[in-house]
């Protein structure tokens, strides 16, 4: 039976405390690097899509960068159900960030709202029994989460308190994040979308604890690379009550992905400055809004430029076509519409893979 929080025993072992030092150092460096990108939407859009793609892939929803960015354009003649699911993830992440930015807490109502955005339904917490987690290969049941609605509600109310009330436990915030993720995935409160909702909660919790200003630490890439171990260690805690290996796994994820993200952000920043200098020196229509658009939307279109710059359709088309003619963008056609790719930015985002 799943126990309520807090955990009574001291799970911050010597190994965990040692790992916390390097994880916090990397996370603090990431927080400092993020502020070097002047427009926060650039990182939320580009890195958010990376996370959405990876988090969906953990659940075997596979898509490509090309499909995701085409889906964002809403062009006729393009339909991809997988890309649509990834888009829903991005919307859910942004919704969650807006909620905690406003309220500074994360309630069960917020969690339900995030999952609803993700799954595009309003089923809420599970009310019917029958949910079990099975081995994808053998079909064998490996874990049966709480079945009764009353127990799910009781455990989620307890988890909500643990997330928001620091007096319940004096564990380090990164240890708490790992505990929260374990507890949420073990309660498994929704019919669908538990894994992806849980991974959104991870990064929102770090923002709530002021360890990040923006939700840009996305652990799904680490989980994909170590997927078998992720499920094995979750189950190990359930069966043995031993936390050390799970905590070390999550802390290593924080450290490794922080370091990777720092490198990627620095490359994006350098490319922004490169484009800024080229645009400013060679194009009379240069503006900061134009520069932001080209990096906020790795695939852009005339309507995006119209909206962001407040110019006519003819003017927006002229700007994009001139940049494409000079090789700063790559022009593509789909059906009756055109779109324009910031190829150098896309190469950065894809090469991270």
C-alpha atoms as a PDB file:
ATOM      1  CA  UNK A   1       0.000   0.000   0.000  1.00  0.00           C
ATOM      2  CA  UNK A   2       1.326   3.449  -0.975  1.00  0.00           C
ATOM      3  CA  UNK A   3       2.249   5.477   2.094  1.00  0.00           C
ATOM      4  CA  UNK A   4       1.532   9.164   2.591  1.00  0.00           C
ATOM      5  CA  UNK A   5       4.258  11.782   2.735  1.00  0.00           C
ATOM      6  CA  UNK A   6       6.509  12.861   4.388  1.00  0.00           C
ATOM      7  CA  UNK A   7       9.000  10.001   4.439  1.00  0.00           C
ATOM      8  CA  UNK A   8       9.908   9.330   8.050  1.00  0.00           C
ATOM      9  CA  UNK A   9      13.450   8.006   7.609  1.00  0.00           C
ATOM     10  CA  UNK A  10      16.471  10.037   6.547  1.00  0.00           C
ATOM     11  CA  UNK A  11      17.019   9.221   2.862  1.00  0.00           C
ATOM     12  CA  UNK A  12      19.709  11.869   2.290  1.00  0.00           C
ATOM     13  CA  UNK A  13      22.611   9.426   2.469  1.00  0.00           C
ATOM     14  CA  UNK A  14      26.268  10.425   2.110  1.00  0.00           C
ATOM     15  CA  UNK A  15      26.184   9.546  -1.597  1.00  0.00           C
ATOM     16  CA  UNK A  16      23.034  11.626  -2.091  1.00  0.00           C
ATOM     17  CA  UNK A  17      24.470  14.620  -0.215  1.00  0.00           C
ATOM     18  CA  UNK A  18      27.650  14.461  -2.297  1.00  0.00           C
ATOM     19  CA  UNK A  19      25.655  14.285  -5.533  1.00  0.00           C
ATOM     20  CA  UNK A  20      23.466  17.199  -4.441  1.00  0.00           C
ATOM     21  CA  UNK A  21      26.503  19.510  -4.493  1.00  0.00           C
ATOM     22  CA  UNK A  22      27.321  18.904  -8.170  1.00  0.00           C
ATOM     23  CA  UNK A  23      23.639  18.849  -9.213  1.00  0.00           C
ATOM     24  CA  UNK A  24      22.947  22.215  -7.570  1.00  0.00           C
ATOM     25  CA  UNK A  25      26.120  23.702  -9.076  1.00  0.00           C
ATOM     26  CA  UNK A  26      25.080  22.704 -12.608  1.00  0.00           C
ATOM     27  CA  UNK A  27      21.505  23.894 -12.053  1.00  0.00           C
ATOM     28  CA  UNK A  28      22.706  27.288 -10.720  1.00  0.00           C
ATOM     29  CA  UNK A  29      24.925  27.702 -13.800  1.00  0.00           C
ATOM     30  CA  UNK A  30      21.931  26.935 -16.006  1.00  0.00           C
ATOM     31  CA  UNK A  31      19.835  29.531 -14.191  1.00  0.00           C
ATOM     32  CA  UNK A  32      22.564  32.107 -14.835  1.00  0.00           C
ATOM     33  CA  UNK A  33      22.909  31.149 -18.495  1.00  0.00           C
ATOM     34  CA  UNK A  34      19.169  31.457 -19.154  1.00  0.00           C
ATOM     35  CA  UNK A  35      19.159  35.205 -18.413  1.00  0.00           C
ATOM     36  CA  UNK A  36      21.663  35.806 -21.240  1.00  0.00           C
ATOM     37  CA  UNK A  37      18.843  35.218 -23.757  1.00  0.00           C
ATOM     38  CA  UNK A  38      16.856  38.472 -23.677  1.00  0.00           C
ATOM     39  CA  UNK A  39      13.512  37.101 -24.877  1.00  0.00           C
ATOM     40  CA  UNK A  40      12.220  34.281 -22.662  1.00  0.00           C
ATOM     41  CA  UNK A  41       9.820  33.025 -25.353  1.00  0.00           C
ATOM     42  CA  UNK A  42      12.785  31.964 -27.484  1.00  0.00           C
ATOM     43  CA  UNK A  43      13.860  29.398 -24.896  1.00  0.00           C
ATOM     44  CA  UNK A  44      10.372  28.343 -23.839  1.00  0.00           C
ATOM     45  CA  UNK A  45       9.447  27.698 -27.484  1.00  0.00           C
ATOM     46  CA  UNK A  46      12.649  26.017 -28.703  1.00  0.00           C
ATOM     47  CA  UNK A  47      13.597  24.044 -25.577  1.00  0.00           C
ATOM     48  CA  UNK A  48       9.945  23.425 -24.719  1.00  0.00           C
ATOM     49  CA  UNK A  49       9.477  21.687 -28.039  1.00  0.00           C
ATOM     50  CA  UNK A  50      12.596  19.597 -27.391  1.00  0.00           C
ATOM     51  CA  UNK A  51      11.120  18.444 -24.089  1.00  0.00           C
ATOM     52  CA  UNK A  52       7.669  17.869 -25.535  1.00  0.00           C
ATOM     53  CA  UNK A  53       9.180  15.668 -28.246  1.00  0.00           C
ATOM     54  CA  UNK A  54      11.270  13.682 -25.768  1.00  0.00           C
ATOM     55  CA  UNK A  55       8.609  13.374 -23.079  1.00  0.00           C
ATOM     56  CA  UNK A  56       6.152  12.100 -25.664  1.00  0.00           C
ATOM     57  CA  UNK A  57       8.759   9.658 -26.957  1.00  0.00           C
ATOM     58  CA  UNK A  58       9.030   8.146 -23.455  1.00  0.00           C
ATOM     59  CA  UNK A  59       5.363   7.178 -23.962  1.00  0.00           C
ATOM     60  CA  UNK A  60       6.152   5.880 -27.485  1.00  0.00           C
ATOM     61  CA  UNK A  61       4.572   8.890 -29.213  1.00  0.00           C
ATOM     62  CA  UNK A  62       7.214   9.360 -31.893  1.00  0.00           C
ATOM     63  CA  UNK A  63       7.484  12.382 -34.154  1.00  0.00           C
ATOM     64  CA  UNK A  64      10.157  14.519 -35.836  1.00  0.00           C
ATOM     65  CA  UNK A  65      11.232  18.124 -35.386  1.00  0.00           C
ATOM     66  CA  UNK A  66      10.009  18.823 -38.904  1.00  0.00           C
ATOM     67  CA  UNK A  67       6.516  17.504 -38.114  1.00  0.00           C
ATOM     68  CA  UNK A  68       6.296  19.425 -34.837  1.00  0.00           C
ATOM     69  CA  UNK A  69       7.272  22.776 -36.339  1.00  0.00           C
ATOM     70  CA  UNK A  70       5.012  22.250 -39.345  1.00  0.00           C
ATOM     71  CA  UNK A  71       2.141  21.536 -36.936  1.00  0.00           C
ATOM     72  CA  UNK A  72       2.853  24.861 -35.201  1.00  0.00           C
ATOM     73  CA  UNK A  73       2.424  26.645 -38.546  1.00  0.00           C
ATOM     74  CA  UNK A  74      -1.159  25.325 -38.917  1.00  0.00           C
ATOM     75  CA  UNK A  75      -0.687  25.035 -42.658  1.00  0.00           C
ATOM     76  CA  UNK A  76      -3.254  23.333 -44.841  1.00  0.00           C
ATOM     77  CA  UNK A  77      -2.306  19.910 -46.221  1.00  0.00           C
ATOM     78  CA  UNK A  78      -0.356  18.958 -43.089  1.00  0.00           C
ATOM     79  CA  UNK A  79      -1.785  16.600 -40.493  1.00  0.00           C
ATOM     80  CA  UNK A  80       0.149  14.607 -37.886  1.00  0.00           C
ATOM     81  CA  UNK A  81      -1.567  13.134 -34.837  1.00  0.00           C
ATOM     82  CA  UNK A  82       1.757  12.583 -33.054  1.00  0.00           C
ATOM     83  CA  UNK A  83       2.830  16.177 -33.688  1.00  0.00           C
ATOM     84  CA  UNK A  84      -0.547  17.351 -32.370  1.00  0.00           C
ATOM     85  CA  UNK A  85       0.038  15.428 -29.133  1.00  0.00           C
ATOM     86  CA  UNK A  86       3.434  17.078 -28.788  1.00  0.00           C
ATOM     87  CA  UNK A  87       1.801  20.472 -29.370  1.00  0.00           C
ATOM     88  CA  UNK A  88      -0.658  19.694 -26.575  1.00  0.00           C
ATOM     89  CA  UNK A  89       2.311  19.018 -24.291  1.00  0.00           C
ATOM     90  CA  UNK A  90       3.795  22.434 -25.082  1.00  0.00           C
ATOM     91  CA  UNK A  91       0.423  24.081 -24.327  1.00  0.00           C
ATOM     92  CA  UNK A  92       0.186  22.173 -21.034  1.00  0.00           C
ATOM     93  CA  UNK A  93       3.710  23.202 -20.025  1.00  0.00           C
ATOM     94  CA  UNK A  94       3.003  26.869 -20.789  1.00  0.00           C
ATOM     95  CA  UNK A  95      -0.296  26.671 -18.913  1.00  0.00           C
ATOM     96  CA  UNK A  96       1.431  25.209 -15.862  1.00  0.00           C
ATOM     97  CA  UNK A  97       4.148  27.877 -15.962  1.00  0.00           C
ATOM     98  CA  UNK A  98       1.512  30.631 -16.156  1.00  0.00           C
ATOM     99  CA  UNK A  99      -0.354  29.136 -13.173  1.00  0.00           C
ATOM    100  CA  UNK A 100       2.663  28.886 -10.869  1.00  0.00           C
ATOM    101  CA  UNK A 101       3.964  32.287 -11.986  1.00  0.00           C
ATOM    102  CA  UNK A 102       0.674  33.805 -10.890  1.00  0.00           C
ATOM    103  CA  UNK A 103      -0.095  31.781  -7.762  1.00  0.00           C
ATOM    104  CA  UNK A 104       3.357  30.618  -6.548  1.00  0.00           C
ATOM    105  CA  UNK A 105       1.802  27.284  -5.583  1.00  0.00           C
ATOM    106  CA  UNK A 106       0.823  24.131  -7.444  1.00  0.00           C
ATOM    107  CA  UNK A 107      -2.588  22.784  -6.474  1.00  0.00           C
ATOM    108  CA  UNK A 108      -4.462  19.659  -7.498  1.00  0.00           C
ATOM    109  CA  UNK A 109      -6.767  21.895  -9.500  1.00  0.00           C
ATOM    110  CA  UNK A 110      -3.695  23.143 -11.397  1.00  0.00           C
ATOM    111  CA  UNK A 111      -2.444  19.591 -11.965  1.00  0.00           C
ATOM    112  CA  UNK A 112      -5.847  18.569 -13.328  1.00  0.00           C
ATOM    113  CA  UNK A 113      -5.824  21.662 -15.560  1.00  0.00           C
ATOM    114  CA  UNK A 114      -2.361  20.744 -16.913  1.00  0.00           C
ATOM    115  CA  UNK A 115      -3.418  17.155 -17.626  1.00  0.00           C
ATOM    116  CA  UNK A 116      -6.639  18.355 -19.248  1.00  0.00           C
ATOM    117  CA  UNK A 117      -4.629  20.584 -21.606  1.00  0.00           C
ATOM    118  CA  UNK A 118      -2.329  17.673 -22.347  1.00  0.00           C
ATOM    119  CA  UNK A 119      -5.001  15.064 -23.055  1.00  0.00           C
ATOM    120  CA  UNK A 120      -7.757  17.414 -24.290  1.00  0.00           C
ATOM    121  CA  UNK A 121     -10.326  15.850 -21.963  1.00  0.00           C
ATOM    122  CA  UNK A 122     -11.842  16.705 -18.607  1.00  0.00           C
ATOM    123  CA  UNK A 123     -11.914  13.246 -17.011  1.00  0.00           C
ATOM    124  CA  UNK A 124     -10.046  14.411 -13.904  1.00  0.00           C
ATOM    125  CA  UNK A 125      -8.742  11.900 -11.366  1.00  0.00           C
ATOM    126  CA  UNK A 126      -9.567   8.210 -11.920  1.00  0.00           C
ATOM    127  CA  UNK A 127     -12.972   7.200 -10.588  1.00  0.00           C
ATOM    128  CA  UNK A 128     -13.142   3.626 -11.921  1.00  0.00           C
ATOM    129  CA  UNK A 129     -10.910   0.707 -10.805  1.00  0.00           C
ATOM    130  CA  UNK A 130      -8.976  -1.436 -13.277  1.00  0.00           C
ATOM    131  CA  UNK A 131      -5.795   0.563 -13.923  1.00  0.00           C
ATOM    132  CA  UNK A 132      -2.563  -1.452 -13.821  1.00  0.00           C
ATOM    133  CA  UNK A 133       0.963  -0.799 -15.098  1.00  0.00           C
ATOM    134  CA  UNK A 134       2.113  -3.643 -17.340  1.00  0.00           C
ATOM    135  CA  UNK A 135       5.382  -4.751 -18.860  1.00  0.00           C
ATOM    136  CA  UNK A 136       5.188  -3.592 -22.495  1.00  0.00           C
ATOM    137  CA  UNK A 137       6.880  -6.788 -23.730  1.00  0.00           C
ATOM    138  CA  UNK A 138       5.306  -9.532 -21.613  1.00  0.00           C
ATOM    139  CA  UNK A 139       1.993  -7.920 -20.655  1.00  0.00           C
ATOM    140  CA  UNK A 140       2.679  -8.888 -17.047  1.00  0.00           C
ATOM    141  CA  UNK A 141       1.334  -6.513 -14.367  1.00  0.00           C
ATOM    142  CA  UNK A 142       4.324  -4.931 -12.616  1.00  0.00           C
ATOM    143  CA  UNK A 143       2.470  -2.460 -10.400  1.00  0.00           C
ATOM    144  CA  UNK A 144      -1.118  -1.807  -9.382  1.00  0.00           C
ATOM    145  CA  UNK A 145      -1.684   1.794  -8.277  1.00  0.00           C
ATOM    146  CA  UNK A 146      -4.436   2.807  -5.810  1.00  0.00           C
ATOM    147  CA  UNK A 147      -7.812   1.866  -7.267  1.00  0.00           C
ATOM    148  CA  UNK A 148     -10.437   3.610  -5.159  1.00  0.00           C
ATOM    149  CA  UNK A 149     -11.305   7.235  -5.964  1.00  0.00           C
ATOM    150  CA  UNK A 150     -11.357   8.109  -2.244  1.00  0.00           C
ATOM    151  CA  UNK A 151      -7.804   6.784  -1.771  1.00  0.00           C
ATOM    152  CA  UNK A 152      -6.543   8.593  -4.885  1.00  0.00           C
ATOM    153  CA  UNK A 153      -8.088  11.845  -3.610  1.00  0.00           C
ATOM    154  CA  UNK A 154      -6.601  11.307  -0.136  1.00  0.00           C
ATOM    155  CA  UNK A 155      -3.111  10.641  -1.517  1.00  0.00           C
ATOM    156  CA  UNK A 156      -3.284  13.556  -3.972  1.00  0.00           C
ATOM    157  CA  UNK A 157      -4.400  15.939  -1.194  1.00  0.00           C
ATOM    158  CA  UNK A 158      -1.404  14.773   0.831  1.00  0.00           C
ATOM    159  CA  UNK A 159       0.902  15.245  -2.183  1.00  0.00           C
ATOM    160  CA  UNK A 160      -0.500  18.742  -2.798  1.00  0.00           C
ATOM    161  CA  UNK A 161       0.349  19.656   0.797  1.00  0.00           C
ATOM    162  CA  UNK A 162       3.858  18.199   0.445  1.00  0.00           C
ATOM    163  CA  UNK A 163       4.495  20.194  -2.732  1.00  0.00           C
ATOM    164  CA  UNK A 164       3.461  23.499  -1.176  1.00  0.00           C
ATOM    165  CA  UNK A 165       4.186  23.228   2.564  1.00  0.00           C
ATOM    166  CA  UNK A 166       7.925  23.228   3.266  1.00  0.00           C
ATOM    167  CA  UNK A 167       7.349  22.606   6.979  1.00  0.00           C
ATOM    168  CA  UNK A 168       6.376  18.993   6.181  1.00  0.00           C
ATOM    169  CA  UNK A 169       9.955  18.047   5.327  1.00  0.00           C
ATOM    170  CA  UNK A 170      13.376  19.676   5.455  1.00  0.00           C
ATOM    171  CA  UNK A 171      14.863  17.597   2.649  1.00  0.00           C
ATOM    172  CA  UNK A 172      16.718  19.425  -0.128  1.00  0.00           C
ATOM    173  CA  UNK A 173      14.380  20.720  -2.901  1.00  0.00           C
ATOM    174  CA  UNK A 174      15.977  18.407  -5.500  1.00  0.00           C
ATOM    175  CA  UNK A 175      15.374  15.423  -3.235  1.00  0.00           C
ATOM    176  CA  UNK A 176      11.795  16.625  -2.776  1.00  0.00           C
ATOM    177  CA  UNK A 177      11.362  16.876  -6.553  1.00  0.00           C
ATOM    178  CA  UNK A 178      12.425  13.218  -6.877  1.00  0.00           C
ATOM    179  CA  UNK A 179      10.040  12.221  -4.056  1.00  0.00           C
ATOM    180  CA  UNK A 180       7.164  14.165  -5.641  1.00  0.00           C
ATOM    181  CA  UNK A 181       7.792  12.503  -9.004  1.00  0.00           C
ATOM    182  CA  UNK A 182       7.878   9.038  -7.440  1.00  0.00           C
ATOM    183  CA  UNK A 183       4.717   9.673  -5.436  1.00  0.00           C
ATOM    184  CA  UNK A 184       2.771  11.150  -8.356  1.00  0.00           C
ATOM    185  CA  UNK A 185       3.717   8.323 -10.723  1.00  0.00           C
ATOM    186  CA  UNK A 186       2.855   5.752  -8.035  1.00  0.00           C
ATOM    187  CA  UNK A 187      -0.548   7.307  -7.322  1.00  0.00           C
ATOM    188  CA  UNK A 188      -1.056   7.380 -11.116  1.00  0.00           C
ATOM    189  CA  UNK A 189      -4.123   9.589 -10.606  1.00  0.00           C
ATOM    190  CA  UNK A 190      -5.238   9.941 -14.247  1.00  0.00           C
ATOM    191  CA  UNK A 191      -6.438   7.465 -16.840  1.00  0.00           C
ATOM    192  CA  UNK A 192      -3.903   8.906 -19.329  1.00  0.00           C
ATOM    193  CA  UNK A 193      -0.988  11.324 -19.361  1.00  0.00           C
ATOM    194  CA  UNK A 194       0.498  10.524 -15.934  1.00  0.00           C
ATOM    195  CA  UNK A 195       4.096  10.277 -17.138  1.00  0.00           C
ATOM    196  CA  UNK A 196       4.035  13.499 -19.127  1.00  0.00           C
ATOM    197  CA  UNK A 197       2.118  15.403 -16.422  1.00  0.00           C
ATOM    198  CA  UNK A 198       4.634  14.186 -13.839  1.00  0.00           C
ATOM    199  CA  UNK A 199       7.551  15.423 -15.919  1.00  0.00           C
ATOM    200  CA  UNK A 200       5.922  18.844 -16.280  1.00  0.00           C
ATOM    201  CA  UNK A 201       5.499  18.955 -12.478  1.00  0.00           C
ATOM    202  CA  UNK A 202       9.264  18.323 -12.097  1.00  0.00           C
ATOM    203  CA  UNK A 203      10.322  21.504 -13.848  1.00  0.00           C
ATOM    204  CA  UNK A 204       7.472  23.599 -12.416  1.00  0.00           C
ATOM    205  CA  UNK A 205       8.580  22.614  -8.916  1.00  0.00           C
ATOM    206  CA  UNK A 206      12.124  23.840  -9.635  1.00  0.00           C
ATOM    207  CA  UNK A 207      10.714  27.195 -10.764  1.00  0.00           C
ATOM    208  CA  UNK A 208       8.520  27.357  -7.640  1.00  0.00           C
ATOM    209  CA  UNK A 209      11.619  26.804  -5.486  1.00  0.00           C
ATOM    210  CA  UNK A 210      13.447  29.575  -7.383  1.00  0.00           C
ATOM    211  CA  UNK A 211      16.090  27.158  -8.648  1.00  0.00           C
ATOM    212  CA  UNK A 212      15.140  28.272 -12.172  1.00  0.00           C
ATOM    213  CA  UNK A 213      13.374  31.368 -13.513  1.00  0.00           C
ATOM    214  CA  UNK A 214      12.037  29.613 -16.617  1.00  0.00           C
ATOM    215  CA  UNK A 215      10.915  26.015 -17.134  1.00  0.00           C
ATOM    216  CA  UNK A 216      13.896  24.965 -19.267  1.00  0.00           C
ATOM    217  CA  UNK A 217      15.366  21.923 -17.451  1.00  0.00           C
ATOM    218  CA  UNK A 218      13.779  18.978 -19.174  1.00  0.00           C
ATOM    219  CA  UNK A 219      14.680  15.543 -17.863  1.00  0.00           C
ATOM    220  CA  UNK A 220      12.906  13.493 -20.530  1.00  0.00           C
ATOM    221  CA  UNK A 221      16.037  13.238 -22.697  1.00  0.00           C
ATOM    222  CA  UNK A 222      17.893  11.619 -19.796  1.00  0.00           C
ATOM    223  CA  UNK A 223      14.958   9.305 -19.139  1.00  0.00           C
ATOM    224  CA  UNK A 224      14.849   8.201 -22.797  1.00  0.00           C
ATOM    225  CA  UNK A 225      18.555   7.366 -22.717  1.00  0.00           C
ATOM    226  CA  UNK A 226      18.086   5.468 -19.432  1.00  0.00           C
ATOM    227  CA  UNK A 227      14.474   4.362 -19.792  1.00  0.00           C
ATOM    228  CA  UNK A 228      14.817   0.835 -18.453  1.00  0.00           C
ATOM    229  CA  UNK A 229      16.571   2.103 -15.333  1.00  0.00           C
ATOM    230  CA  UNK A 230      13.886   4.777 -14.794  1.00  0.00           C
ATOM    231  CA  UNK A 231      11.110   2.192 -14.498  1.00  0.00           C
ATOM    232  CA  UNK A 232      13.325  -0.285 -12.614  1.00  0.00           C
ATOM    233  CA  UNK A 233      14.254   2.254  -9.923  1.00  0.00           C
ATOM    234  CA  UNK A 234      10.685   3.516  -9.471  1.00  0.00           C
ATOM    235  CA  UNK A 235       9.638  -0.080  -8.893  1.00  0.00           C
ATOM    236  CA  UNK A 236      12.594  -0.694  -6.578  1.00  0.00           C
ATOM    237  CA  UNK A 237      11.375   2.047  -4.214  1.00  0.00           C
ATOM    238  CA  UNK A 238       7.855   0.581  -4.265  1.00  0.00           C
ATOM    239  CA  UNK A 239       9.089  -2.909  -3.446  1.00  0.00           C
ATOM    240  CA  UNK A 240      11.948  -2.234  -1.017  1.00  0.00           C
ATOM    241  CA  UNK A 241      11.450   1.276   0.368  1.00  0.00           C
ATOM    242  CA  UNK A 242      15.103   2.019  -0.498  1.00  0.00           C
ATOM    243  CA  UNK A 243      15.463   5.470  -2.019  1.00  0.00           C
ATOM    244  CA  UNK A 244      19.174   6.009  -2.649  1.00  0.00           C
ATOM    245  CA  UNK A 245      19.422   4.659  -6.210  1.00  0.00           C
ATOM    246  CA  UNK A 246      16.298   6.536  -7.348  1.00  0.00           C
ATOM    247  CA  UNK A 247      17.523   9.802  -5.843  1.00  0.00           C
ATOM    248  CA  UNK A 248      20.976   9.411  -7.405  1.00  0.00           C
ATOM    249  CA  UNK A 249      19.335   8.728 -10.785  1.00  0.00           C
ATOM    250  CA  UNK A 250      17.231  11.897 -10.615  1.00  0.00           C
ATOM    251  CA  UNK A 251      20.120  14.026  -9.325  1.00  0.00           C
ATOM    252  CA  UNK A 252      22.353  12.772 -12.129  1.00  0.00           C
ATOM    253  CA  UNK A 253      19.576  13.652 -14.583  1.00  0.00           C
ATOM    254  CA  UNK A 254      19.481  17.218 -13.195  1.00  0.00           C
ATOM    255  CA  UNK A 255      23.258  17.577 -13.437  1.00  0.00           C
ATOM    256  CA  UNK A 256      23.728  16.069 -16.901  1.00  0.00           C
ATOM    257  CA  UNK A 257      20.780  17.821 -18.545  1.00  0.00           C
ATOM    258  CA  UNK A 258      21.710  21.158 -16.925  1.00  0.00           C
ATOM    259  CA  UNK A 259      25.179  20.898 -18.480  1.00  0.00           C
ATOM    260  CA  UNK A 260      23.792  19.921 -21.900  1.00  0.00           C
ATOM    261  CA  UNK A 261      21.246  22.740 -21.809  1.00  0.00           C
ATOM    262  CA  UNK A 262      23.901  25.326 -20.887  1.00  0.00           C
ATOM    263  CA  UNK A 263      25.928  24.363 -23.975  1.00  0.00           C
ATOM    264  CA  UNK A 264      22.849  24.526 -26.206  1.00  0.00           C
ATOM    265  CA  UNK A 265      21.709  27.920 -24.843  1.00  0.00           C
ATOM    266  CA  UNK A 266      25.206  29.351 -25.370  1.00  0.00           C
ATOM    267  CA  UNK A 267      25.152  28.156 -28.989  1.00  0.00           C
ATOM    268  CA  UNK A 268      21.698  29.676 -29.501  1.00  0.00           C
ATOM    269  CA  UNK A 269      22.878  32.958 -27.958  1.00  0.00           C
ATOM    270  CA  UNK A 270      25.918  33.091 -30.258  1.00  0.00           C
ATOM    271  CA  UNK A 271      23.726  32.437 -33.283  1.00  0.00           C
ATOM    272  CA  UNK A 272      21.294  35.188 -32.219  1.00  0.00           C
ATOM    273  CA  UNK A 273      24.196  37.665 -32.059  1.00  0.00           C
ATOM    274  CA  UNK A 274      25.472  36.477 -35.438  1.00  0.00           C
ATOM    275  CA  UNK A 275      22.042  37.063 -37.012  1.00  0.00           C
ATOM    276  CA  UNK A 276      21.630  40.364 -35.197  1.00  0.00           C
ATOM    277  CA  UNK A 277      24.871  41.735 -36.649  1.00  0.00           C
ATOM    278  CA  UNK A 278      24.059  40.529 -40.182  1.00  0.00           C
ATOM    279  CA  UNK A 279      20.510  41.903 -40.099  1.00  0.00           C
ATOM    280  CA  UNK A 280      21.467  45.223 -38.523  1.00  0.00           C
ATOM    281  CA  UNK A 281      24.324  45.824 -40.981  1.00  0.00           C
ATOM    282  CA  UNK A 282      22.581  44.744 -44.179  1.00  0.00           C
ATOM    283  CA  UNK A 283      18.824  45.229 -43.918  1.00  0.00           C
ATOM    284  CA  UNK A 284      16.953  48.475 -43.403  1.00  0.00           C
ATOM    285  CA  UNK A 285      13.988  46.537 -42.020  1.00  0.00           C
ATOM    286  CA  UNK A 286      16.022  45.052 -39.121  1.00  0.00           C
ATOM    287  CA  UNK A 287      14.246  45.161 -35.767  1.00  0.00           C
ATOM    288  CA  UNK A 288      14.514  43.311 -32.467  1.00  0.00           C
ATOM    289  CA  UNK A 289      10.995  41.971 -33.039  1.00  0.00           C
ATOM    290  CA  UNK A 290      12.079  40.446 -36.341  1.00  0.00           C
ATOM    291  CA  UNK A 291      15.135  38.847 -34.722  1.00  0.00           C
ATOM    292  CA  UNK A 292      12.996  37.455 -31.896  1.00  0.00           C
ATOM    293  CA  UNK A 293      10.527  36.004 -34.405  1.00  0.00           C
ATOM    294  CA  UNK A 294      13.225  34.126 -36.317  1.00  0.00           C
ATOM    295  CA  UNK A 295      14.398  32.430 -33.110  1.00  0.00           C
ATOM    296  CA  UNK A 296      11.046  32.037 -31.361  1.00  0.00           C
ATOM    297  CA  UNK A 297       9.712  30.250 -34.472  1.00  0.00           C
ATOM    298  CA  UNK A 298      12.438  28.093 -36.083  1.00  0.00           C
ATOM    299  CA  UNK A 299       9.774  27.572 -38.779  1.00  0.00           C
ATOM    300  CA  UNK A 300       8.102  30.925 -39.407  1.00  0.00           C
ATOM    301  CA  UNK A 301       5.528  32.189 -41.880  1.00  0.00           C
ATOM    302  CA  UNK A 302       4.122  35.442 -43.230  1.00  0.00           C
ATOM    303  CA  UNK A 303       1.289  35.566 -40.662  1.00  0.00           C
ATOM    304  CA  UNK A 304       3.754  35.295 -37.750  1.00  0.00           C
ATOM    305  CA  UNK A 305       5.754  38.259 -39.091  1.00  0.00           C
ATOM    306  CA  UNK A 306       2.565  40.262 -39.696  1.00  0.00           C
ATOM    307  CA  UNK A 307       1.476  39.701 -36.098  1.00  0.00           C
ATOM    308  CA  UNK A 308       4.846  40.156 -34.355  1.00  0.00           C
ATOM    309  CA  UNK A 309       5.969  43.203 -36.350  1.00  0.00           C
ATOM    310  CA  UNK A 310       2.584  44.802 -37.017  1.00  0.00           C
ATOM    311  CA  UNK A 311       3.223  45.011 -40.769  1.00  0.00           C
ATOM    312  CA  UNK A 312       1.103  44.201 -43.819  1.00  0.00           C
ATOM    313  CA  UNK A 313       1.115  40.783 -45.465  1.00  0.00           C
ATOM    314  CA  UNK A 314       2.932  42.176 -48.512  1.00  0.00           C
ATOM    315  CA  UNK A 315       5.646  43.709 -46.334  1.00  0.00           C
ATOM    316  CA  UNK A 316       6.037  40.544 -44.242  1.00  0.00           C
ATOM    317  CA  UNK A 317       6.390  38.442 -47.400  1.00  0.00           C
ATOM    318  CA  UNK A 318       8.982  40.875 -48.785  1.00  0.00           C
ATOM    319  CA  UNK A 319      11.094  40.611 -45.601  1.00  0.00           C
ATOM    320  CA  UNK A 320      11.018  36.808 -45.522  1.00  0.00           C
ATOM    321  CA  UNK A 321      11.663  36.368 -49.234  1.00  0.00           C
ATOM    322  CA  UNK A 322      14.647  38.704 -49.099  1.00  0.00           C
ATOM    323  CA  UNK A 323      16.128  36.817 -46.132  1.00  0.00           C
ATOM    324  CA  UNK A 324      15.538  33.525 -47.937  1.00  0.00           C
ATOM    325  CA  UNK A 325      17.152  34.841 -51.149  1.00  0.00           C
ATOM    326  CA  UNK A 326      20.262  35.749 -49.167  1.00  0.00           C
ATOM    327  CA  UNK A 327      20.414  32.358 -47.427  1.00  0.00           C
ATOM    328  CA  UNK A 328      19.509  33.437 -43.901  1.00  0.00           C
ATOM    329  CA  UNK A 329      16.288  31.437 -44.139  1.00  0.00           C
ATOM    330  CA  UNK A 330      15.279  28.435 -46.225  1.00  0.00           C
ATOM    331  CA  UNK A 331      11.982  28.827 -48.093  1.00  0.00           C
ATOM    332  CA  UNK A 332       9.699  25.808 -48.383  1.00  0.00           C
ATOM    333  CA  UNK A 333       6.287  25.267 -49.932  1.00  0.00           C
ATOM    334  CA  UNK A 334       3.476  23.132 -48.551  1.00  0.00           C
ATOM    335  CA  UNK A 335       0.220  23.069 -50.482  1.00  0.00           C
ATOM    336  CA  UNK A 336      -0.610  26.684 -51.282  1.00  0.00           C
ATOM    337  CA  UNK A 337       1.414  28.125 -48.392  1.00  0.00           C
ATOM    338  CA  UNK A 338       5.062  29.000 -47.838  1.00  0.00           C
ATOM    339  CA  UNK A 339       7.081  28.660 -44.675  1.00  0.00           C
ATOM    340  CA  UNK A 340      10.624  29.711 -43.831  1.00  0.00           C
ATOM    341  CA  UNK A 341      13.162  27.715 -41.806  1.00  0.00           C
ATOM    342  CA  UNK A 342      15.939  29.142 -39.640  1.00  0.00           C
ATOM    343  CA  UNK A 343      18.190  26.290 -40.773  1.00  0.00           C
ATOM    344  CA  UNK A 344      21.162  27.147 -38.552  1.00  0.00           C
ATOM    345  CA  UNK A 345      18.936  27.152 -35.471  1.00  0.00           C
ATOM    346  CA  UNK A 346      17.324  23.869 -36.502  1.00  0.00           C
ATOM    347  CA  UNK A 347      20.766  22.303 -36.990  1.00  0.00           C
ATOM    348  CA  UNK A 348      21.616  23.263 -33.392  1.00  0.00           C
ATOM    349  CA  UNK A 349      18.393  21.816 -32.015  1.00  0.00           C
ATOM    350  CA  UNK A 350      18.660  18.584 -33.983  1.00  0.00           C
ATOM    351  CA  UNK A 351      22.410  18.091 -33.436  1.00  0.00           C
ATOM    352  CA  UNK A 352      21.708  17.946 -29.701  1.00  0.00           C
ATOM    353  CA  UNK A 353      20.141  14.584 -30.407  1.00  0.00           C
END
